[in-house]
């Protein structure tokens, strides 16, 4: 799992991570409470956790997409940000990716 671009909003990153980790935690809890010896070598549900992270991200009001590059040093918007400027106030919060493999090929799954 990675981000395709920088994500300036720490709360957006956190929303995705919480959804992802909640799903992993539930899977681990479920394996521990299963009767008999739980298979500790079973794969974690990474793809399901990725989808849960995506859903949490969107449920908390964040939008996937590639952000505009920030203004260069010395730009007047550093002193006086413009609310209508996509570089000052991005309307998207980054693009999360899951890289996995299928029969020897890399598969790229985008959030959103």
N, C-alpha and C. Protein backbone atom coordinates (compact mmCIF):
# COMPACT_ATOMS: atom_id res chain seq x y z
N UNK A 1 0.85 -1.17 0.00
CA UNK A 1 0.00 0.00 0.00
C UNK A 1 0.90 1.22 0.00
N UNK A 2 0.56 2.18 -0.84
CA UNK A 2 1.32 3.42 -0.90
C UNK A 2 0.40 4.53 -1.42
N UNK A 3 0.92 5.74 -1.39
CA UNK A 3 0.20 6.88 -1.95
C UNK A 3 0.88 7.26 -3.25
N UNK A 4 0.10 7.56 -4.28
CA UNK A 4 0.64 7.90 -5.59
C UNK A 4 1.22 9.30 -5.63
N UNK A 5 0.92 10.09 -4.62
CA UNK A 5 1.40 11.46 -4.55
C UNK A 5 1.46 11.87 -3.09
N UNK A 6 1.92 13.06 -2.85
CA UNK A 6 1.97 13.51 -1.46
C UNK A 6 0.55 13.78 -0.96
N UNK A 7 0.37 13.57 0.32
CA UNK A 7 -0.92 13.81 0.95
C UNK A 7 -0.66 14.77 2.09
N UNK A 8 -1.03 16.02 1.91
CA UNK A 8 -0.74 17.05 2.90
C UNK A 8 -1.64 16.97 4.13
N UNK A 9 -2.79 16.38 3.99
CA UNK A 9 -3.75 16.34 5.08
C UNK A 9 -3.55 15.08 5.92
N UNK A 10 -2.95 15.25 7.10
CA UNK A 10 -2.66 14.11 7.98
C UNK A 10 -3.94 13.40 8.40
N UNK A 11 -5.04 14.12 8.53
CA UNK A 11 -6.30 13.49 8.93
C UNK A 11 -6.84 12.60 7.81
N UNK A 12 -6.58 12.95 6.56
CA UNK A 12 -7.00 12.11 5.44
C UNK A 12 -6.22 10.80 5.46
N UNK A 13 -4.91 10.90 5.67
CA UNK A 13 -4.08 9.68 5.77
C UNK A 13 -4.56 8.82 6.94
N UNK A 14 -4.86 9.48 8.04
CA UNK A 14 -5.29 8.77 9.24
C UNK A 14 -6.62 8.05 9.01
N UNK A 15 -7.56 8.68 8.32
CA UNK A 15 -8.86 8.06 8.05
C UNK A 15 -8.66 6.74 7.29
N UNK A 16 -7.82 6.77 6.26
CA UNK A 16 -7.56 5.54 5.51
C UNK A 16 -6.93 4.49 6.42
N UNK A 17 -5.91 4.88 7.17
CA UNK A 17 -5.18 3.94 8.02
C UNK A 17 -6.10 3.32 9.07
N UNK A 18 -6.99 4.10 9.65
CA UNK A 18 -7.90 3.56 10.66
C UNK A 18 -8.83 2.52 10.07
N UNK A 19 -9.38 2.78 8.91
CA UNK A 19 -10.25 1.80 8.26
C UNK A 19 -9.49 0.53 7.93
N UNK A 20 -8.28 0.69 7.41
CA UNK A 20 -7.45 -0.46 7.05
C UNK A 20 -7.11 -1.29 8.29
N UNK A 21 -6.61 -0.63 9.32
CA UNK A 21 -6.16 -1.34 10.52
C UNK A 21 -7.32 -1.93 11.31
N UNK A 22 -8.48 -1.29 11.30
CA UNK A 22 -9.65 -1.87 11.97
C UNK A 22 -9.99 -3.22 11.34
N UNK A 23 -9.95 -3.29 10.02
CA UNK A 23 -10.26 -4.54 9.32
C UNK A 23 -9.22 -5.62 9.64
N UNK A 24 -7.96 -5.26 9.66
CA UNK A 24 -6.90 -6.22 10.01
C UNK A 24 -7.08 -6.69 11.45
N UNK A 25 -7.37 -5.75 12.36
CA UNK A 25 -7.59 -6.10 13.76
C UNK A 25 -8.75 -7.06 13.94
N UNK A 26 -9.84 -6.82 13.21
CA UNK A 26 -10.99 -7.73 13.29
C UNK A 26 -10.63 -9.12 12.79
N UNK A 27 -9.83 -9.19 11.74
CA UNK A 27 -9.42 -10.50 11.21
C UNK A 27 -8.54 -11.24 12.22
N UNK A 28 -7.62 -10.53 12.86
CA UNK A 28 -6.76 -11.16 13.85
C UNK A 28 -7.56 -11.60 15.07
N UNK A 29 -8.49 -10.78 15.50
CA UNK A 29 -9.34 -11.10 16.65
C UNK A 29 -10.19 -12.33 16.34
N UNK A 30 -10.73 -12.37 15.15
CA UNK A 30 -11.56 -13.48 14.72
C UNK A 30 -10.74 -14.78 14.67
N UNK A 31 -9.51 -14.70 14.21
CA UNK A 31 -8.65 -15.89 14.14
C UNK A 31 -8.31 -16.39 15.54
N UNK A 32 -8.10 -15.47 16.48
CA UNK A 32 -7.76 -15.86 17.85
C UNK A 32 -8.94 -16.49 18.56
N UNK A 33 -10.15 -16.04 18.26
CA UNK A 33 -11.32 -16.55 18.96
C UNK A 33 -11.90 -17.80 18.30
N UNK A 34 -11.36 -18.19 17.14
CA UNK A 34 -11.85 -19.39 16.46
C UNK A 34 -11.55 -20.62 17.31
N UNK A 35 -12.45 -21.57 17.26
CA UNK A 35 -12.24 -22.80 18.04
C UNK A 35 -11.05 -23.58 17.50
N UNK A 36 -10.33 -24.27 18.38
CA UNK A 36 -9.18 -25.07 17.99
C UNK A 36 -8.00 -24.19 17.69
N UNK A 37 -7.03 -24.74 17.02
CA UNK A 37 -5.82 -23.99 16.66
C UNK A 37 -6.10 -23.14 15.44
N UNK A 38 -6.05 -21.85 15.62
CA UNK A 38 -6.21 -20.93 14.49
C UNK A 38 -4.97 -21.03 13.63
N UNK A 39 -5.13 -20.97 12.34
CA UNK A 39 -3.99 -21.04 11.42
C UNK A 39 -3.28 -19.70 11.43
N UNK A 40 -2.17 -19.62 12.15
CA UNK A 40 -1.42 -18.36 12.26
C UNK A 40 -0.68 -18.02 10.97
N UNK A 41 -0.63 -18.97 10.04
CA UNK A 41 0.06 -18.69 8.78
C UNK A 41 -0.91 -18.21 7.69
N UNK A 42 -2.19 -18.13 8.03
CA UNK A 42 -3.18 -17.68 7.05
C UNK A 42 -2.87 -16.25 6.63
N UNK A 43 -3.14 -15.94 5.40
CA UNK A 43 -2.92 -14.58 4.90
C UNK A 43 -3.89 -13.61 5.52
N UNK A 44 -3.39 -12.43 5.83
CA UNK A 44 -4.26 -11.37 6.31
C UNK A 44 -5.10 -10.86 5.13
N UNK A 45 -6.30 -10.39 5.40
CA UNK A 45 -7.19 -9.91 4.33
C UNK A 45 -6.80 -8.51 3.85
N UNK A 46 -5.66 -8.42 3.20
CA UNK A 46 -5.13 -7.11 2.81
C UNK A 46 -6.05 -6.39 1.84
N UNK A 47 -6.57 -7.11 0.85
CA UNK A 47 -7.45 -6.44 -0.12
C UNK A 47 -8.74 -5.96 0.54
N UNK A 48 -9.31 -6.76 1.44
CA UNK A 48 -10.52 -6.33 2.16
C UNK A 48 -10.20 -5.14 3.06
N UNK A 49 -9.04 -5.17 3.69
CA UNK A 49 -8.62 -4.06 4.55
C UNK A 49 -8.40 -2.80 3.72
N UNK A 50 -7.84 -2.94 2.53
CA UNK A 50 -7.66 -1.80 1.62
C UNK A 50 -9.02 -1.19 1.29
N UNK A 51 -9.99 -2.03 0.94
CA UNK A 51 -11.34 -1.53 0.63
C UNK A 51 -11.96 -0.84 1.84
N UNK A 52 -11.74 -1.40 3.04
CA UNK A 52 -12.27 -0.78 4.26
C UNK A 52 -11.62 0.58 4.49
N UNK A 53 -10.33 0.69 4.21
CA UNK A 53 -9.64 1.98 4.33
C UNK A 53 -10.20 3.00 3.35
N UNK A 54 -10.45 2.56 2.13
CA UNK A 54 -11.03 3.44 1.11
C UNK A 54 -12.40 3.93 1.56
N UNK A 55 -13.22 3.01 2.07
CA UNK A 55 -14.57 3.40 2.51
C UNK A 55 -14.52 4.37 3.67
N UNK A 56 -13.61 4.15 4.63
CA UNK A 56 -13.50 5.07 5.78
C UNK A 56 -13.07 6.45 5.29
N UNK A 57 -12.09 6.48 4.39
CA UNK A 57 -11.58 7.73 3.81
C UNK A 57 -12.74 8.53 3.22
N UNK A 58 -13.56 7.87 2.40
CA UNK A 58 -14.68 8.55 1.75
C UNK A 58 -15.78 8.91 2.74
N UNK A 59 -16.04 8.02 3.71
CA UNK A 59 -17.10 8.27 4.69
C UNK A 59 -16.79 9.49 5.55
N UNK A 60 -15.51 9.78 5.74
CA UNK A 60 -15.13 10.95 6.53
C UNK A 60 -15.04 12.22 5.69
N UNK A 61 -15.48 12.12 4.42
CA UNK A 61 -15.58 13.32 3.58
C UNK A 61 -14.37 13.63 2.73
N UNK A 62 -13.40 12.73 2.69
CA UNK A 62 -12.21 12.98 1.87
C UNK A 62 -12.46 12.48 0.45
N UNK A 63 -11.74 13.08 -0.51
CA UNK A 63 -11.90 12.72 -1.92
C UNK A 63 -10.56 12.29 -2.48
N UNK A 64 -10.58 11.21 -3.25
CA UNK A 64 -9.37 10.73 -3.90
C UNK A 64 -9.07 11.56 -5.14
N UNK A 65 -7.81 11.75 -5.42
CA UNK A 65 -7.37 12.47 -6.60
C UNK A 65 -5.96 12.98 -6.40
N UNK A 66 -5.32 13.34 -7.48
CA UNK A 66 -3.94 13.85 -7.42
C UNK A 66 -3.96 15.34 -7.13
N UNK A 67 -3.28 15.73 -6.08
CA UNK A 67 -3.24 17.13 -5.69
C UNK A 67 -2.33 17.93 -6.62
N UNK A 68 -2.63 19.21 -6.75
CA UNK A 68 -1.77 20.13 -7.49
C UNK A 68 -0.47 20.33 -6.71
N UNK A 69 0.59 20.62 -7.40
CA UNK A 69 1.87 20.91 -6.73
C UNK A 69 1.73 22.18 -5.91
N UNK A 70 2.40 22.25 -4.77
CA UNK A 70 2.31 23.47 -3.96
C UNK A 70 2.97 24.66 -4.66
N UNK A 71 2.63 25.84 -4.20
CA UNK A 71 3.25 27.05 -4.75
C UNK A 71 4.75 27.05 -4.44
N UNK A 72 5.55 27.62 -5.33
CA UNK A 72 6.98 27.72 -5.05
C UNK A 72 7.25 28.72 -3.91
N UNK A 73 8.41 28.60 -3.34
CA UNK A 73 8.80 29.53 -2.25
C UNK A 73 8.66 30.97 -2.72
N UNK A 74 8.17 31.82 -1.85
CA UNK A 74 8.03 33.24 -2.17
C UNK A 74 6.74 33.61 -2.86
N UNK A 75 5.91 32.63 -3.21
CA UNK A 75 4.64 32.93 -3.88
C UNK A 75 3.76 33.74 -2.93
N UNK A 76 3.01 34.74 -3.44
CA UNK A 76 2.19 35.59 -2.58
C UNK A 76 1.12 34.83 -1.78
N UNK A 77 0.70 33.67 -2.27
CA UNK A 77 -0.33 32.92 -1.54
C UNK A 77 0.21 32.30 -0.25
N UNK A 78 1.52 32.23 -0.07
CA UNK A 78 2.06 31.74 1.20
C UNK A 78 1.68 32.70 2.33
N UNK A 79 1.70 33.98 2.06
CA UNK A 79 1.35 34.98 3.07
C UNK A 79 -0.17 35.17 3.17
N UNK A 80 -0.85 35.04 2.03
CA UNK A 80 -2.31 35.25 1.97
C UNK A 80 -2.94 34.15 1.12
N UNK A 81 -3.22 32.98 1.71
CA UNK A 81 -3.82 31.88 0.93
C UNK A 81 -5.15 32.29 0.31
N UNK A 82 -5.40 31.76 -0.87
CA UNK A 82 -6.62 32.04 -1.62
C UNK A 82 -7.51 30.79 -1.57
N UNK A 83 -8.67 30.90 -0.96
CA UNK A 83 -9.56 29.75 -0.79
C UNK A 83 -10.05 29.17 -2.11
N UNK A 84 -9.97 29.93 -3.21
CA UNK A 84 -10.41 29.41 -4.50
C UNK A 84 -9.26 28.78 -5.28
N UNK A 85 -8.06 28.78 -4.70
CA UNK A 85 -6.88 28.23 -5.38
C UNK A 85 -6.67 26.76 -4.99
N UNK A 86 -6.60 25.87 -5.99
CA UNK A 86 -6.44 24.44 -5.71
C UNK A 86 -5.07 24.11 -5.13
N UNK A 87 -4.12 25.02 -5.25
CA UNK A 87 -2.81 24.80 -4.65
C UNK A 87 -2.81 25.22 -3.18
N UNK A 88 -3.64 26.18 -2.83
CA UNK A 88 -3.75 26.63 -1.44
C UNK A 88 -4.67 25.71 -0.64
N UNK A 89 -5.77 25.32 -1.25
CA UNK A 89 -6.78 24.52 -0.57
C UNK A 89 -7.23 23.40 -1.53
N UNK A 90 -6.48 22.28 -1.52
CA UNK A 90 -6.81 21.20 -2.47
C UNK A 90 -8.22 20.66 -2.26
N UNK A 91 -8.90 20.35 -3.36
CA UNK A 91 -10.24 19.77 -3.27
C UNK A 91 -10.18 18.25 -3.28
N UNK A 92 -8.98 17.70 -3.40
CA UNK A 92 -8.76 16.26 -3.31
C UNK A 92 -7.66 16.01 -2.28
N UNK A 93 -7.59 14.78 -1.81
CA UNK A 93 -6.71 14.49 -0.68
C UNK A 93 -5.71 13.38 -0.95
N UNK A 94 -5.35 13.14 -2.20
CA UNK A 94 -4.36 12.13 -2.53
C UNK A 94 -4.97 10.90 -3.17
N UNK A 95 -4.09 10.02 -3.65
CA UNK A 95 -4.53 8.79 -4.31
C UNK A 95 -3.79 7.62 -3.69
N UNK A 96 -4.52 6.73 -3.03
CA UNK A 96 -3.92 5.55 -2.40
C UNK A 96 -3.92 4.40 -3.39
N UNK A 97 -2.87 3.58 -3.31
CA UNK A 97 -2.71 2.44 -4.21
C UNK A 97 -2.43 1.17 -3.43
N UNK A 98 -2.94 0.08 -3.93
CA UNK A 98 -2.57 -1.24 -3.45
C UNK A 98 -1.87 -1.93 -4.59
N UNK A 99 -0.63 -2.32 -4.36
CA UNK A 99 0.12 -3.07 -5.36
C UNK A 99 0.14 -4.53 -4.91
N UNK A 100 -0.32 -5.40 -5.77
CA UNK A 100 -0.36 -6.82 -5.46
C UNK A 100 0.11 -7.59 -6.70
N UNK A 101 0.02 -8.88 -6.66
CA UNK A 101 0.46 -9.64 -7.84
C UNK A 101 -0.58 -10.69 -8.20
N UNK A 102 -0.59 -11.04 -9.46
CA UNK A 102 -1.47 -12.07 -9.96
C UNK A 102 -0.73 -12.79 -11.06
N UNK A 103 -0.42 -14.06 -10.83
CA UNK A 103 0.29 -14.88 -11.80
C UNK A 103 1.55 -14.20 -12.32
N UNK A 104 2.33 -13.64 -11.39
CA UNK A 104 3.62 -13.05 -11.75
C UNK A 104 3.56 -11.63 -12.28
N UNK A 105 2.39 -11.03 -12.34
CA UNK A 105 2.25 -9.66 -12.82
C UNK A 105 1.82 -8.74 -11.67
N UNK A 106 2.36 -7.53 -11.68
CA UNK A 106 1.98 -6.54 -10.68
C UNK A 106 0.61 -5.98 -11.04
N UNK A 107 -0.27 -5.95 -10.07
CA UNK A 107 -1.61 -5.41 -10.26
C UNK A 107 -1.72 -4.15 -9.41
N UNK A 108 -2.15 -3.07 -10.00
CA UNK A 108 -2.29 -1.78 -9.34
C UNK A 108 -3.77 -1.51 -9.14
N UNK A 109 -4.18 -1.40 -7.86
CA UNK A 109 -5.58 -1.13 -7.52
C UNK A 109 -5.63 0.24 -6.87
N UNK A 110 -6.39 1.15 -7.46
CA UNK A 110 -6.49 2.52 -6.94
C UNK A 110 -7.69 2.64 -6.02
N UNK A 111 -7.52 3.40 -4.96
CA UNK A 111 -8.64 3.70 -4.07
C UNK A 111 -9.58 4.67 -4.75
N UNK A 112 -10.84 4.59 -4.40
CA UNK A 112 -11.80 5.53 -4.93
C UNK A 112 -12.41 5.01 -6.14
